[in-house]
Amino acid sequence: LQKGSLDEKIFRYYLIQDDYYLKHFSRLYQLVGD
């Protein structure tokens, strides 16, 4: 990623999986706060 040589397909897969993670992570911040 730093070199700029990371295959875009890998980054796309990461983003999709991270989208799932972040949606729950945001909810967890709220729930643990509660």
PDB file of all heavy atoms in Angstrom:
ATOM      1  N   LEU A   1       0.842  -1.196   0.000  1.00  0.00           N
ATOM      2  CA  LEU A   1       0.000   0.000   0.000  1.00  0.00           C
ATOM      3  C   LEU A   1       0.877   1.246   0.000  1.00  0.00           C
ATOM      4  O   LEU A   1       0.622   2.200  -0.756  1.00  0.00           O
ATOM      5  CB  LEU A   1      -0.934  -0.016   1.210  1.00  0.00           C
ATOM      6  CG  LEU A   1      -1.918   1.136   1.345  1.00  0.00           C
ATOM      7  CD1 LEU A   1      -3.248   0.644   1.923  1.00  0.00           C
ATOM      8  CD2 LEU A   1      -1.374   2.260   2.231  1.00  0.00           C
ATOM      9  N   GLN A   2       1.913   1.255   0.814  1.00  0.00           N
ATOM     10  CA  GLN A   2       2.804   2.411   0.860  1.00  0.00           C
ATOM     11  C   GLN A   2       3.561   2.587  -0.454  1.00  0.00           C
ATOM     12  O   GLN A   2       3.712   3.711  -0.940  1.00  0.00           O
ATOM     13  CB  GLN A   2       3.794   2.284   2.009  1.00  0.00           C
ATOM     14  CG  GLN A   2       4.707   3.505   2.142  1.00  0.00           C
ATOM     15  CD  GLN A   2       5.498   3.509   3.429  1.00  0.00           C
ATOM     16  OE1 GLN A   2       5.934   2.469   3.893  1.00  0.00           O
ATOM     17  NE2 GLN A   2       5.682   4.680   4.002  1.00  0.00           N
ATOM     18  N   LYS A   3       3.997   1.486  -1.038  1.00  0.00           N
ATOM     19  CA  LYS A   3       4.734   1.566  -2.306  1.00  0.00           C
ATOM     20  C   LYS A   3       3.833   1.928  -3.476  1.00  0.00           C
ATOM     21  O   LYS A   3       4.303   2.366  -4.528  1.00  0.00           O
ATOM     22  CB  LYS A   3       5.413   0.231  -2.593  1.00  0.00           C
ATOM     23  CG  LYS A   3       6.541  -0.120  -1.633  1.00  0.00           C
ATOM     24  CD  LYS A   3       7.109  -1.504  -1.967  1.00  0.00           C
ATOM     25  CE  LYS A   3       8.218  -1.885  -1.001  1.00  0.00           C
ATOM     26  NZ  LYS A   3       8.727  -3.260  -1.275  1.00  0.00           N
ATOM     27  N   GLY A   4       2.526   1.726  -3.288  1.00  0.00           N
ATOM     28  CA  GLY A   4       1.584   1.995  -4.360  1.00  0.00           C
ATOM     29  C   GLY A   4       1.361   0.802  -5.262  1.00  0.00           C
ATOM     30  O   GLY A   4       0.692   0.911  -6.294  1.00  0.00           O
ATOM     31  N   SER A   5       1.902  -0.357  -4.888  1.00  0.00           N
ATOM     32  CA  SER A   5       1.820  -1.545  -5.731  1.00  0.00           C
ATOM     33  C   SER A   5       0.732  -2.520  -5.286  1.00  0.00           C
ATOM     34  O   SER A   5       0.576  -3.581  -5.888  1.00  0.00           O
ATOM     35  CB  SER A   5       3.175  -2.270  -5.749  1.00  0.00           C
ATOM     36  OG  SER A   5       3.553  -2.676  -4.440  1.00  0.00           O
ATOM     37  N   LEU A   6      -0.008  -2.179  -4.226  1.00  0.00           N
ATOM     38  CA  LEU A   6      -1.052  -3.077  -3.751  1.00  0.00           C
ATOM     39  C   LEU A   6      -2.122  -3.250  -4.814  1.00  0.00           C
ATOM     40  O   LEU A   6      -2.652  -2.265  -5.349  1.00  0.00           O
ATOM     41  CB  LEU A   6      -1.678  -2.531  -2.465  1.00  0.00           C
ATOM     42  CG  LEU A   6      -2.744  -3.408  -1.814  1.00  0.00           C
ATOM     43  CD1 LEU A   6      -2.136  -4.697  -1.271  1.00  0.00           C
ATOM     44  CD2 LEU A   6      -3.468  -2.654  -0.701  1.00  0.00           C
ATOM     45  N   ASP A   7      -2.446  -4.490  -5.145  1.00  0.00           N
ATOM     46  CA  ASP A   7      -3.478  -4.795  -6.126  1.00  0.00           C
ATOM     47  C   ASP A   7      -4.796  -4.149  -5.690  1.00  0.00           C
ATOM     48  O   ASP A   7      -5.237  -4.332  -4.554  1.00  0.00           O
ATOM     49  CB  ASP A   7      -3.642  -6.314  -6.228  1.00  0.00           C
ATOM     50  CG  ASP A   7      -4.524  -6.747  -7.386  1.00  0.00           C
ATOM     51  OD1 ASP A   7      -5.461  -6.004  -7.753  1.00  0.00           O
ATOM     52  OD2 ASP A   7      -4.301  -7.849  -7.906  1.00  0.00           O
ATOM     53  N   GLU A   8      -5.413  -3.426  -6.594  1.00  0.00           N
ATOM     54  CA  GLU A   8      -6.657  -2.733  -6.263  1.00  0.00           C
ATOM     55  C   GLU A   8      -7.741  -3.711  -5.829  1.00  0.00           C
ATOM     56  O   GLU A   8      -8.590  -3.380  -4.991  1.00  0.00           O
ATOM     57  CB  GLU A   8      -7.144  -1.929  -7.466  1.00  0.00           C
ATOM     58  CG  GLU A   8      -8.378  -1.092  -7.181  1.00  0.00           C
ATOM     59  CD  GLU A   8      -8.859  -0.323  -8.396  1.00  0.00           C
ATOM     60  OE1 GLU A   8      -8.146   0.606  -8.821  1.00  0.00           O
ATOM     61  OE2 GLU A   8      -9.939  -0.679  -8.908  1.00  0.00           O
ATOM     62  N   LYS A   9      -7.715  -4.926  -6.378  1.00  0.00           N
ATOM     63  CA  LYS A   9      -8.713  -5.925  -5.996  1.00  0.00           C
ATOM     64  C   LYS A   9      -8.593  -6.267  -4.516  1.00  0.00           C
ATOM     65  O   LYS A   9      -9.596  -6.500  -3.840  1.00  0.00           O
ATOM     66  CB  LYS A   9      -8.552  -7.184  -6.849  1.00  0.00           C
ATOM     67  CG  LYS A   9      -8.895  -6.998  -8.325  1.00  0.00           C
ATOM     68  CD  LYS A   9      -8.694  -8.300  -9.084  1.00  0.00           C
ATOM     69  CE  LYS A   9      -9.006  -8.114 -10.570  1.00  0.00           C
ATOM     70  NZ  LYS A   9      -8.764  -9.370 -11.337  1.00  0.00           N
ATOM     71  N   ILE A  10      -7.365  -6.312  -4.019  1.00  0.00           N
ATOM     72  CA  ILE A  10      -7.148  -6.586  -2.596  1.00  0.00           C
ATOM     73  C   ILE A  10      -7.708  -5.446  -1.761  1.00  0.00           C
ATOM     74  O   ILE A  10      -8.378  -5.667  -0.743  1.00  0.00           O
ATOM     75  CB  ILE A  10      -5.649  -6.783  -2.299  1.00  0.00           C
ATOM     76  CG1 ILE A  10      -5.134  -8.042  -2.996  1.00  0.00           C
ATOM     77  CG2 ILE A  10      -5.387  -6.837  -0.792  1.00  0.00           C
ATOM     78  CD1 ILE A  10      -3.645  -8.263  -2.854  1.00  0.00           C
ATOM     79  N   PHE A  11      -7.450  -4.215  -2.189  1.00  0.00           N
ATOM     80  CA  PHE A  11      -7.928  -3.050  -1.444  1.00  0.00           C
ATOM     81  C   PHE A  11      -9.453  -3.003  -1.462  1.00  0.00           C
ATOM     82  O   PHE A  11     -10.081  -2.674  -0.451  1.00  0.00           O
ATOM     83  CB  PHE A  11      -7.347  -1.772  -2.037  1.00  0.00           C
ATOM     84  CG  PHE A  11      -7.549  -0.549  -1.185  1.00  0.00           C
ATOM     85  CD1 PHE A  11      -6.996  -0.470   0.084  1.00  0.00           C
ATOM     86  CD2 PHE A  11      -8.284   0.539  -1.654  1.00  0.00           C
ATOM     87  CE1 PHE A  11      -7.170   0.660   0.882  1.00  0.00           C
ATOM     88  CE2 PHE A  11      -8.474   1.666  -0.874  1.00  0.00           C
ATOM     89  CZ  PHE A  11      -7.914   1.728   0.399  1.00  0.00           C
ATOM     90  N   ARG A  12     -10.054  -3.354  -2.591  1.00  0.00           N
ATOM     91  CA  ARG A  12     -11.516  -3.386  -2.688  1.00  0.00           C
ATOM     92  C   ARG A  12     -12.093  -4.414  -1.705  1.00  0.00           C
ATOM     93  O   ARG A  12     -13.074  -4.136  -1.015  1.00  0.00           O
ATOM     94  CB  ARG A  12     -11.950  -3.731  -4.118  1.00  0.00           C
ATOM     95  CG  ARG A  12     -11.703  -2.627  -5.134  1.00  0.00           C
ATOM     96  CD  ARG A  12     -11.923  -3.161  -6.545  1.00  0.00           C
ATOM     97  NE  ARG A  12     -13.289  -3.576  -6.740  1.00  0.00           N
ATOM     98  CZ  ARG A  12     -14.246  -2.805  -7.255  1.00  0.00           C
ATOM     99  NH1 ARG A  12     -13.963  -1.562  -7.624  1.00  0.00           N
ATOM    100  NH2 ARG A  12     -15.471  -3.254  -7.415  1.00  0.00           N
ATOM    101  N   TYR A  13     -11.468  -5.584  -1.649  1.00  0.00           N
ATOM    102  CA  TYR A  13     -11.950  -6.622  -0.742  1.00  0.00           C
ATOM    103  C   TYR A  13     -11.815  -6.168   0.705  1.00  0.00           C
ATOM    104  O   TYR A  13     -12.726  -6.374   1.518  1.00  0.00           O
ATOM    105  CB  TYR A  13     -11.163  -7.916  -0.964  1.00  0.00           C
ATOM    106  CG  TYR A  13     -11.727  -9.112  -0.239  1.00  0.00           C
ATOM    107  CD1 TYR A  13     -12.915  -9.707  -0.652  1.00  0.00           C
ATOM    108  CD2 TYR A  13     -11.065  -9.665   0.859  1.00  0.00           C
ATOM    109  CE1 TYR A  13     -13.437 -10.808   0.016  1.00  0.00           C
ATOM    110  CE2 TYR A  13     -11.584 -10.772   1.531  1.00  0.00           C
ATOM    111  CZ  TYR A  13     -12.770 -11.336   1.105  1.00  0.00           C
ATOM    112  OH  TYR A  13     -13.282 -12.424   1.778  1.00  0.00           O
ATOM    113  N   TYR A  14     -10.694  -5.530   0.996  1.00  0.00           N
ATOM    114  CA  TYR A  14     -10.480  -4.976   2.332  1.00  0.00           C
ATOM    115  C   TYR A  14     -11.568  -3.962   2.680  1.00  0.00           C
ATOM    116  O   TYR A  14     -12.131  -3.998   3.780  1.00  0.00           O
ATOM    117  CB  TYR A  14      -9.099  -4.314   2.393  1.00  0.00           C
ATOM    118  CG  TYR A  14      -8.940  -3.294   3.494  1.00  0.00           C
ATOM    119  CD1 TYR A  14      -8.678  -3.679   4.802  1.00  0.00           C
ATOM    120  CD2 TYR A  14      -9.070  -1.930   3.219  1.00  0.00           C
ATOM    121  CE1 TYR A  14      -8.541  -2.735   5.817  1.00  0.00           C
ATOM    122  CE2 TYR A  14      -8.934  -0.985   4.220  1.00  0.00           C
ATOM    123  CZ  TYR A  14      -8.673  -1.397   5.512  1.00  0.00           C
ATOM    124  OH  TYR A  14      -8.548  -0.450   6.504  1.00  0.00           O
ATOM    125  N   LEU A  15     -11.881  -3.057   1.769  1.00  0.00           N
ATOM    126  CA  LEU A  15     -12.865  -2.015   2.037  1.00  0.00           C
ATOM    127  C   LEU A  15     -14.246  -2.600   2.309  1.00  0.00           C
ATOM    128  O   LEU A  15     -14.966  -2.131   3.207  1.00  0.00           O
ATOM    129  CB  LEU A  15     -12.942  -1.044   0.858  1.00  0.00           C
ATOM    130  CG  LEU A  15     -11.760  -0.096   0.665  1.00  0.00           C
ATOM    131  CD1 LEU A  15     -11.944   0.714  -0.619  1.00  0.00           C
ATOM    132  CD2 LEU A  15     -11.607   0.853   1.854  1.00  0.00           C
ATOM    133  N   ILE A  16     -14.622  -3.620   1.546  1.00  0.00           N
ATOM    134  CA  ILE A  16     -15.942  -4.223   1.734  1.00  0.00           C
ATOM    135  C   ILE A  16     -16.027  -4.915   3.091  1.00  0.00           C
ATOM    136  O   ILE A  16     -17.015  -4.763   3.822  1.00  0.00           O
ATOM    137  CB  ILE A  16     -16.249  -5.216   0.597  1.00  0.00           C
ATOM    138  CG1 ILE A  16     -16.420  -4.444  -0.723  1.00  0.00           C
ATOM    139  CG2 ILE A  16     -17.502  -6.031   0.903  1.00  0.00           C
ATOM    140  CD1 ILE A  16     -16.484  -5.336  -1.953  1.00  0.00           C
ATOM    141  N   GLN A  17     -14.978  -5.662   3.444  1.00  0.00           N
ATOM    142  CA  GLN A  17     -14.961  -6.318   4.752  1.00  0.00           C
ATOM    143  C   GLN A  17     -14.904  -5.287   5.884  1.00  0.00           C
ATOM    144  O   GLN A  17     -15.547  -5.442   6.927  1.00  0.00           O
ATOM    145  CB  GLN A  17     -13.772  -7.282   4.848  1.00  0.00           C
ATOM    146  CG  GLN A  17     -13.801  -8.421   3.842  1.00  0.00           C
ATOM    147  CD  GLN A  17     -14.980  -9.362   4.045  1.00  0.00           C
ATOM    148  OE1 GLN A  17     -15.440  -9.579   5.171  1.00  0.00           O
ATOM    149  NE2 GLN A  17     -15.486  -9.915   2.956  1.00  0.00           N
ATOM    150  N   ASP A  18     -14.149  -4.231   5.659  1.00  0.00           N
ATOM    151  CA  ASP A  18     -14.014  -3.193   6.681  1.00  0.00           C
ATOM    152  C   ASP A  18     -15.308  -2.407   6.851  1.00  0.00           C
ATOM    153  O   ASP A  18     -15.592  -1.891   7.932  1.00  0.00           O
ATOM    154  CB  ASP A  18     -12.867  -2.250   6.310  1.00  0.00           C
ATOM    155  CG  ASP A  18     -12.344  -1.462   7.505  1.00  0.00           C
ATOM    156  OD1 ASP A  18     -12.181  -2.067   8.586  1.00  0.00           O
ATOM    157  OD2 ASP A  18     -12.088  -0.251   7.356  1.00  0.00           O
ATOM    158  N   ASP A  19     -16.085  -2.311   5.786  1.00  0.00           N
ATOM    159  CA  ASP A  19     -17.383  -1.638   5.873  1.00  0.00           C
ATOM    160  C   ASP A  19     -18.291  -2.388   6.853  1.00  0.00           C
ATOM    161  O   ASP A  19     -18.955  -1.772   7.699  1.00  0.00           O
ATOM    162  CB  ASP A  19     -18.026  -1.581   4.490  1.00  0.00           C
ATOM    163  CG  ASP A  19     -19.351  -0.847   4.485  1.00  0.00           C
ATOM    164  OD1 ASP A  19     -19.390   0.323   4.905  1.00  0.00           O
ATOM    165  OD2 ASP A  19     -20.363  -1.441   4.056  1.00  0.00           O
ATOM    166  N   TYR A  20     -18.304  -3.699   6.736  1.00  0.00           N
ATOM    167  CA  TYR A  20     -19.054  -4.530   7.692  1.00  0.00           C
ATOM    168  C   TYR A  20     -18.541  -4.287   9.105  1.00  0.00           C
ATOM    169  O   TYR A  20     -19.332  -4.082  10.043  1.00  0.00           O
ATOM    170  CB  TYR A  20     -18.897  -6.003   7.311  1.00  0.00           C
ATOM    171  CG  TYR A  20     -19.291  -6.984   8.395  1.00  0.00           C
ATOM    172  CD1 TYR A  20     -20.623  -7.353   8.581  1.00  0.00           C
ATOM    173  CD2 TYR A  20     -18.331  -7.550   9.231  1.00  0.00           C
ATOM    174  CE1 TYR A  20     -20.984  -8.253   9.581  1.00  0.00           C
ATOM    175  CE2 TYR A  20     -18.684  -8.454  10.234  1.00  0.00           C
ATOM    176  CZ  TYR A  20     -20.004  -8.799  10.399  1.00  0.00           C
ATOM    177  OH  TYR A  20     -20.351  -9.685  11.388  1.00  0.00           O
ATOM    178  N   TYR A  21     -17.226  -4.308   9.251  1.00  0.00           N
ATOM    179  CA  TYR A  21     -16.615  -4.124  10.570  1.00  0.00           C
ATOM    180  C   TYR A  21     -16.968  -2.762  11.158  1.00  0.00           C
ATOM    181  O   TYR A  21     -17.385  -2.653  12.318  1.00  0.00           O
ATOM    182  CB  TYR A  21     -15.101  -4.270  10.452  1.00  0.00           C
ATOM    183  CG  TYR A  21     -14.352  -3.898  11.704  1.00  0.00           C
ATOM    184  CD1 TYR A  21     -14.150  -4.826  12.724  1.00  0.00           C
ATOM    185  CD2 TYR A  21     -13.875  -2.602  11.901  1.00  0.00           C
ATOM    186  CE1 TYR A  21     -13.487  -4.479  13.891  1.00  0.00           C
ATOM    187  CE2 TYR A  21     -13.218  -2.248  13.060  1.00  0.00           C
ATOM    188  CZ  TYR A  21     -13.024  -3.191  14.050  1.00  0.00           C
ATOM    189  OH  TYR A  21     -12.381  -2.829  15.211  1.00  0.00           O
ATOM    190  N   LEU A  22     -16.807  -1.698  10.377  1.00  0.00           N
ATOM    191  CA  LEU A  22     -17.006  -0.347  10.894  1.00  0.00           C
ATOM    192  C   LEU A  22     -18.458  -0.082  11.283  1.00  0.00           C
ATOM    193  O   LEU A  22     -18.726   0.650  12.239  1.00  0.00           O
ATOM    194  CB  LEU A  22     -16.539   0.691   9.871  1.00  0.00           C
ATOM    195  CG  LEU A  22     -15.019   0.800   9.672  1.00  0.00           C
ATOM    196  CD1 LEU A  22     -14.695   1.770   8.544  1.00  0.00           C
ATOM    197  CD2 LEU A  22     -14.329   1.225  10.961  1.00  0.00           C
ATOM    198  N   LYS A  23     -19.387  -0.650  10.557  1.00  0.00           N
ATOM    199  CA  LYS A  23     -20.796  -0.471  10.915  1.00  0.00           C
ATOM    200  C   LYS A  23     -21.062  -1.040  12.304  1.00  0.00           C
ATOM    201  O   LYS A  23     -21.766  -0.432  13.122  1.00  0.00           O
ATOM    202  CB  LYS A  23     -21.693  -1.136   9.870  1.00  0.00           C
ATOM    203  CG  LYS A  23     -21.770  -0.372   8.552  1.00  0.00           C
ATOM    204  CD  LYS A  23     -22.578  -1.131   7.510  1.00  0.00           C
ATOM    205  CE  LYS A  23     -22.642  -0.337   6.207  1.00  0.00           C
ATOM    206  NZ  LYS A  23     -23.341  -1.102   5.136  1.00  0.00           N
ATOM    207  N   HIS A  24     -20.503  -2.205  12.572  1.00  0.00           N
ATOM    208  CA  HIS A  24     -20.673  -2.806  13.893  1.00  0.00           C
ATOM    209  C   HIS A  24     -19.833  -2.083  14.942  1.00  0.00           C
ATOM    210  O   HIS A  24     -20.266  -1.929  16.092  1.00  0.00           O
ATOM    211  CB  HIS A  24     -20.311  -4.287  13.846  1.00  0.00           C
ATOM    212  CG  HIS A  24     -21.353  -5.132  13.199  1.00  0.00           C
ATOM    213  ND1 HIS A  24     -22.504  -5.513  13.833  1.00  0.00           N
ATOM    214  CD2 HIS A  24     -21.432  -5.650  11.939  1.00  0.00           C
ATOM    215  CE1 HIS A  24     -23.257  -6.243  13.026  1.00  0.00           C
ATOM    216  NE2 HIS A  24     -22.629  -6.339  11.870  1.00  0.00           N
ATOM    217  N   PHE A  25     -18.653  -1.647  14.547  1.00  0.00           N
ATOM    218  CA  PHE A  25     -17.764  -0.964  15.486  1.00  0.00           C
ATOM    219  C   PHE A  25     -18.398   0.332  15.982  1.00  0.00           C
ATOM    220  O   PHE A  25     -18.350   0.646  17.177  1.00  0.00           O
ATOM    221  CB  PHE A  25     -16.432  -0.670  14.797  1.00  0.00           C
ATOM    222  CG  PHE A  25     -15.317  -0.301  15.734  1.00  0.00           C
ATOM    223  CD1 PHE A  25     -14.889  -1.180  16.716  1.00  0.00           C
ATOM    224  CD2 PHE A  25     -14.674   0.921  15.626  1.00  0.00           C
ATOM    225  CE1 PHE A  25     -13.850  -0.860  17.572  1.00  0.00           C
ATOM    226  CE2 PHE A  25     -13.641   1.257  16.477  1.00  0.00           C
ATOM    227  CZ  PHE A  25     -13.224   0.369  17.457  1.00  0.00           C
ATOM    228  N   SER A  26     -19.034   1.061  15.087  1.00  0.00           N
ATOM    229  CA  SER A  26     -19.729   2.283  15.470  1.00  0.00           C
ATOM    230  C   SER A  26     -20.867   1.971  16.442  1.00  0.00           C
ATOM    231  O   SER A  26     -21.057   2.672  17.448  1.00  0.00           O
ATOM    232  CB  SER A  26     -20.287   2.974  14.220  1.00  0.00           C
ATOM    233  OG  SER A  26     -21.030   4.123  14.567  1.00  0.00           O
ATOM    234  N   ARG A  27     -21.590   0.901  16.161  1.00  0.00           N
ATOM    235  CA  ARG A  27     -22.682   0.492  17.049  1.00  0.00           C
ATOM    236  C   ARG A  27     -22.145   0.056  18.400  1.00  0.00           C
ATOM    237  O   ARG A  27     -22.747   0.330  19.453  1.00  0.00           O
ATOM    238  CB  ARG A  27     -23.481  -0.640  16.390  1.00  0.00           C
ATOM    239  CG  ARG A  27     -24.696  -1.087  17.184  1.00  0.00           C
ATOM    240  CD  ARG A  27     -25.601  -1.966  16.341  1.00  0.00           C
ATOM    241  NE  ARG A  27     -26.776  -2.385  17.094  1.00  0.00           N
ATOM    242  CZ  ARG A  27     -26.903  -3.560  17.699  1.00  0.00           C
ATOM    243  NH1 ARG A  27     -25.920  -4.434  17.633  1.00  0.00           N
ATOM    244  NH2 ARG A  27     -28.003  -3.866  18.355  1.00  0.00           N
ATOM    245  N   LEU A  28     -21.005  -0.612  18.411  1.00  0.00           N
ATOM    246  CA  LEU A  28     -20.410  -1.068  19.661  1.00  0.00           C
ATOM    247  C   LEU A  28     -19.967   0.094  20.531  1.00  0.00           C
ATOM    248  O   LEU A  28     -20.122   0.056  21.757  1.00  0.00           O
ATOM    249  CB  LEU A  28     -19.225  -1.999  19.370  1.00  0.00           C
ATOM    250  CG  LEU A  28     -19.622  -3.445  19.050  1.00  0.00           C
ATOM    251  CD1 LEU A  28     -18.528  -4.145  18.249  1.00  0.00           C
ATOM    252  CD2 LEU A  28     -19.916  -4.206  20.340  1.00  0.00           C
ATOM    253  N   TYR A  29     -19.427   1.133  19.930  1.00  0.00           N
ATOM    254  CA  TYR A  29     -19.091   2.327  20.705  1.00  0.00           C
ATOM    255  C   TYR A  29     -20.326   2.830  21.444  1.00  0.00           C
ATOM    256  O   TYR A  29     -20.279   3.181  22.627  1.00  0.00           O
ATOM    257  CB  TYR A  29     -18.580   3.438  19.781  1.00  0.00           C
ATOM    258  CG  TYR A  29     -17.093   3.460  19.541  1.00  0.00           C
ATOM    259  CD1 TYR A  29     -16.584   3.764  18.283  1.00  0.00           C
ATOM    260  CD2 TYR A  29     -16.178   3.245  20.572  1.00  0.00           C
ATOM    261  CE1 TYR A  29     -15.210   3.817  18.045  1.00  0.00           C
ATOM    262  CE2 TYR A  29     -14.818   3.295  20.349  1.00  0.00           C
ATOM    263  CZ  TYR A  29     -14.336   3.588  19.087  1.00  0.00           C
ATOM    264  OH  TYR A  29     -12.987   3.639  18.864  1.00  0.00           O
ATOM    265  N   GLN A  30     -21.451   2.867  20.732  1.00  0.00           N
ATOM    266  CA  GLN A  30     -22.694   3.356  21.316  1.00  0.00           C
ATOM    267  C   GLN A  30     -23.173   2.424  22.431  1.00  0.00           C
ATOM    268  O   GLN A  30     -23.552   2.879  23.522  1.00  0.00           O
ATOM    269  CB  GLN A  30     -23.759   3.458  20.223  1.00  0.00           C
ATOM    270  CG  GLN A  30     -25.076   4.068  20.671  1.00  0.00           C
ATOM    271  CD  GLN A  30     -24.977   5.558  20.922  1.00  0.00           C
ATOM    272  OE1 GLN A  30     -24.287   6.264  20.200  1.00  0.00           O
ATOM    273  NE2 GLN A  30     -25.660   6.043  21.950  1.00  0.00           N
ATOM    274  N   LEU A  31     -23.129   1.121  22.181  1.00  0.00           N
ATOM    275  CA  LEU A  31     -23.649   0.159  23.152  1.00  0.00           C
ATOM    276  C   LEU A  31     -22.782   0.068  24.403  1.00  0.00           C
ATOM    277  O   LEU A  31     -23.298  -0.045  25.520  1.00  0.00           O
ATOM    278  CB  LEU A  31     -23.758  -1.219  22.493  1.00  0.00           C
ATOM    279  CG  LEU A  31     -24.826  -1.356  21.400  1.00  0.00           C
ATOM    280  CD1 LEU A  31     -24.728  -2.721  20.722  1.00  0.00           C
ATOM    281  CD2 LEU A  31     -26.218  -1.149  21.975  1.00  0.00           C
ATOM    282  N   VAL A  32     -21.470   0.109  24.218  1.00  0.00           N
ATOM    283  CA  VAL A  32     -20.590   0.084  25.386  1.00  0.00           C
ATOM    284  C   VAL A  32     -20.746   1.383  26.173  1.00  0.00           C
ATOM    285  O   VAL A  32     -20.723   1.389  27.408  1.00  0.00           O
ATOM    286  CB  VAL A  32     -19.120  -0.140  24.977  1.00  0.00           C
ATOM    287  CG1 VAL A  32     -18.206  -0.117  26.208  1.00  0.00           C
ATOM    288  CG2 VAL A  32     -18.964  -1.471  24.249  1.00  0.00           C
ATOM    289  N   GLY A  33     -20.953   2.489  25.458  1.00  0.00           N
ATOM    290  CA  GLY A  33     -21.226   3.760  26.126  1.00  0.00           C
ATOM    291  C   GLY A  33     -22.494   3.683  26.956  1.00  0.00           C
ATOM    292  O   GLY A  33     -22.550   4.187  28.085  1.00  0.00           O
ATOM    293  N   ASP A  34     -23.517   3.030  26.408  1.00  0.00           N
ATOM    294  CA  ASP A  34     -24.771   2.860  27.154  1.00  0.00           C
ATOM    295  C   ASP A  34     -24.541   2.085  28.451  1.00  0.00           C
ATOM    296  O   ASP A  34     -25.202   2.335  29.460  1.00  0.00           O
ATOM    297  CB  ASP A  34     -25.794   2.099  26.298  1.00  0.00           C
ATOM    298  CG  ASP A  34     -26.291   2.913  25.110  1.00  0.00           C
ATOM    299  OD1 ASP A  34     -26.091   4.141  25.094  1.00  0.00           O
ATOM    300  OD2 ASP A  34     -26.871   2.298  24.195  1.00  0.00           O
TER     301      ASP A  34
END
